[in-house]
């Protein structure tokens, strides 16, 4: 069983980027916490990817999704602007959960509309780094994984 974890633009700066908004947790720390959660499901493999290039994210999804059962995706600003990303999620046809560290609905009006949400099975927003863990647990349950530890 394989779950893809993709992050879009500027998420490589987590921990340093506007910590009053996005917190002080780094992307590496989020990956480590997800790896710990994944230990509950023996055989679950996580594949992480971050890019500031929309085309690279689309290429990664197209290449990796056929060998995956689920996707956790923080599209960052592309949530609000990328029809191409929305179409890629729909095209690969596997359960995808959109994650946002902040509560996008309590921020600027342009952030309240997600173009990708309609292609996802769910959206988690405003839980900070824990949102990624919640997404992994939700995907595990949706995929029928049984906790082994």
Protein backbone atom coordinates (compact mmCIF):
# COMPACT_ATOMS: atom_id res chain seq x y z
CA UNK A 1 0.00 0.00 0.00
CA UNK A 2 1.41 3.37 -1.04
CA UNK A 3 0.32 6.92 -0.23
CA UNK A 4 1.72 9.96 -2.00
CA UNK A 5 2.28 13.12 0.05
CA UNK A 6 2.70 16.16 -2.14
CA UNK A 7 3.36 19.77 -1.23
CA UNK A 8 3.15 22.76 -3.51
CA UNK A 9 4.82 26.15 -3.65
CA UNK A 10 6.62 27.70 -0.71
CA UNK A 11 6.05 24.71 1.56
CA UNK A 12 9.78 24.01 1.43
CA UNK A 13 10.04 27.13 3.62
CA UNK A 14 7.87 25.78 6.45
CA UNK A 15 9.30 26.57 9.86
CA UNK A 16 10.74 29.85 8.59
CA UNK A 17 8.00 31.23 6.34
CA UNK A 18 5.67 33.57 8.21
CA UNK A 19 5.75 31.47 11.41
CA UNK A 20 2.96 33.59 12.92
CA UNK A 21 0.69 32.17 10.19
CA UNK A 22 2.19 28.79 9.26
CA UNK A 23 3.90 27.85 12.54
CA UNK A 24 7.45 26.77 13.26
CA UNK A 25 7.18 23.13 12.22
CA UNK A 26 9.40 22.30 9.26
CA UNK A 27 8.45 20.12 6.33
CA UNK A 28 11.03 17.56 7.52
CA UNK A 29 9.28 17.43 10.90
CA UNK A 30 5.92 16.88 9.21
CA UNK A 31 7.43 14.02 7.18
CA UNK A 32 8.88 12.45 10.34
CA UNK A 33 5.53 12.63 12.13
CA UNK A 34 3.78 11.01 9.15
CA UNK A 35 6.35 8.22 9.10
CA UNK A 36 5.61 7.58 12.80
CA UNK A 37 1.86 7.45 12.12
CA UNK A 38 2.44 5.12 9.15
CA UNK A 39 4.06 2.58 11.50
CA UNK A 40 0.51 1.67 12.59
CA UNK A 41 -0.01 0.07 9.20
CA UNK A 42 2.71 -2.46 8.39
CA UNK A 43 3.62 -2.31 4.73
CA UNK A 44 2.34 1.23 4.21
CA UNK A 45 4.81 3.21 2.12
CA UNK A 46 4.85 7.01 1.99
CA UNK A 47 6.32 8.87 -0.98
CA UNK A 48 7.03 12.58 -0.34
CA UNK A 49 7.42 15.31 -2.92
CA UNK A 50 7.57 19.11 -2.80
CA UNK A 51 7.93 21.49 -5.70
CA UNK A 52 7.57 25.13 -6.55
CA UNK A 53 6.82 24.17 -10.16
CA UNK A 54 3.23 23.34 -11.04
CA UNK A 55 4.30 21.28 -14.04
CA UNK A 56 6.61 19.19 -11.86
CA UNK A 57 3.74 18.44 -9.48
CA UNK A 58 1.51 17.38 -12.36
CA UNK A 59 4.26 15.18 -13.81
CA UNK A 60 4.86 13.58 -10.39
CA UNK A 61 1.15 12.83 -9.92
CA UNK A 62 0.88 11.34 -13.41
CA UNK A 63 3.98 9.18 -12.92
CA UNK A 64 3.41 8.01 -9.34
CA UNK A 65 -0.35 7.74 -8.94
CA UNK A 66 -0.70 4.48 -10.92
CA UNK A 67 1.35 2.77 -8.19
CA UNK A 68 -0.42 4.46 -5.25
CA UNK A 69 -3.70 3.96 -3.46
CA UNK A 70 -4.10 7.45 -1.98
CA UNK A 71 -2.81 11.01 -2.05
CA UNK A 72 -2.38 13.66 0.62
CA UNK A 73 -1.87 17.00 -1.09
CA UNK A 74 -1.17 20.47 0.20
CA UNK A 75 -1.39 22.42 -3.04
CA UNK A 76 -0.66 25.72 -1.32
CA UNK A 77 -1.67 28.67 -3.48
CA UNK A 78 -2.47 26.38 -6.41
CA UNK A 79 -5.65 25.39 -4.58
CA UNK A 80 -7.09 28.72 -5.54
CA UNK A 81 -5.74 29.02 -9.06
CA UNK A 82 -5.02 25.70 -10.78
CA UNK A 83 -7.63 24.03 -12.91
CA UNK A 84 -4.82 21.86 -14.29
CA UNK A 85 -4.10 20.47 -10.81
CA UNK A 86 -7.78 19.84 -10.20
CA UNK A 87 -7.98 17.98 -13.50
CA UNK A 88 -4.87 15.92 -12.68
CA UNK A 89 -6.37 14.81 -9.35
CA UNK A 90 -9.58 13.80 -11.12
CA UNK A 91 -7.65 12.07 -13.90
CA UNK A 92 -5.55 9.83 -11.66
CA UNK A 93 -8.73 8.62 -9.99
CA UNK A 94 -7.44 7.72 -6.53
CA UNK A 95 -8.68 9.11 -3.20
CA UNK A 96 -7.05 12.46 -2.50
CA UNK A 97 -7.28 14.57 0.63
CA UNK A 98 -6.46 18.28 0.35
CA UNK A 99 -4.60 19.65 3.37
CA UNK A 100 -4.00 23.23 4.46
CA UNK A 101 -2.10 24.22 7.58
CA UNK A 102 -4.21 27.32 8.13
CA UNK A 103 -7.95 27.75 8.14
CA UNK A 104 -8.26 29.11 4.62
CA UNK A 105 -11.91 30.00 5.30
CA UNK A 106 -10.85 32.50 7.98
CA UNK A 107 -8.28 34.22 5.80
CA UNK A 108 -8.41 36.44 2.73
CA UNK A 109 -11.49 35.97 0.54
CA UNK A 110 -9.48 34.59 -2.40
CA UNK A 111 -8.29 31.69 -0.20
CA UNK A 112 -11.84 30.58 0.61
CA UNK A 113 -12.35 29.00 -2.81
CA UNK A 114 -10.48 25.84 -3.70
CA UNK A 115 -10.52 24.71 -7.29
CA UNK A 116 -9.06 21.31 -6.35
CA UNK A 117 -11.49 20.49 -3.52
CA UNK A 118 -14.15 19.18 -5.90
CA UNK A 119 -11.78 16.46 -7.11
CA UNK A 120 -10.83 15.40 -3.57
CA UNK A 121 -12.61 13.08 -1.15
CA UNK A 122 -12.05 15.60 1.64
CA UNK A 123 -10.30 18.72 2.81
CA UNK A 124 -8.59 19.33 6.13
CA UNK A 125 -7.79 22.94 6.97
CA UNK A 126 -6.70 24.83 10.04
CA UNK A 127 -5.21 22.01 12.10
CA UNK A 128 -1.60 22.98 11.46
CA UNK A 129 0.84 20.10 10.92
CA UNK A 130 -1.62 17.69 12.55
CA UNK A 131 -3.79 18.05 9.45
CA UNK A 132 -1.38 15.79 7.57
CA UNK A 133 -1.66 13.11 10.26
CA UNK A 134 -5.46 13.39 10.25
CA UNK A 135 -5.41 12.99 6.47
CA UNK A 136 -3.26 9.85 6.71
CA UNK A 137 -5.56 8.29 9.31
CA UNK A 138 -8.61 9.17 7.21
CA UNK A 139 -7.02 7.66 4.09
CA UNK A 140 -5.99 4.54 6.01
CA UNK A 141 -9.55 4.00 7.15
CA UNK A 142 -10.96 4.76 3.72
CA UNK A 143 -8.57 2.24 2.15
CA UNK A 144 -9.54 -0.39 4.73
CA UNK A 145 -6.13 -0.64 6.34
CA UNK A 146 -6.06 -2.40 9.66
CA UNK A 147 -3.83 -0.97 12.36
CA UNK A 148 -1.11 -3.46 13.20
CA UNK A 149 0.62 -1.66 16.09
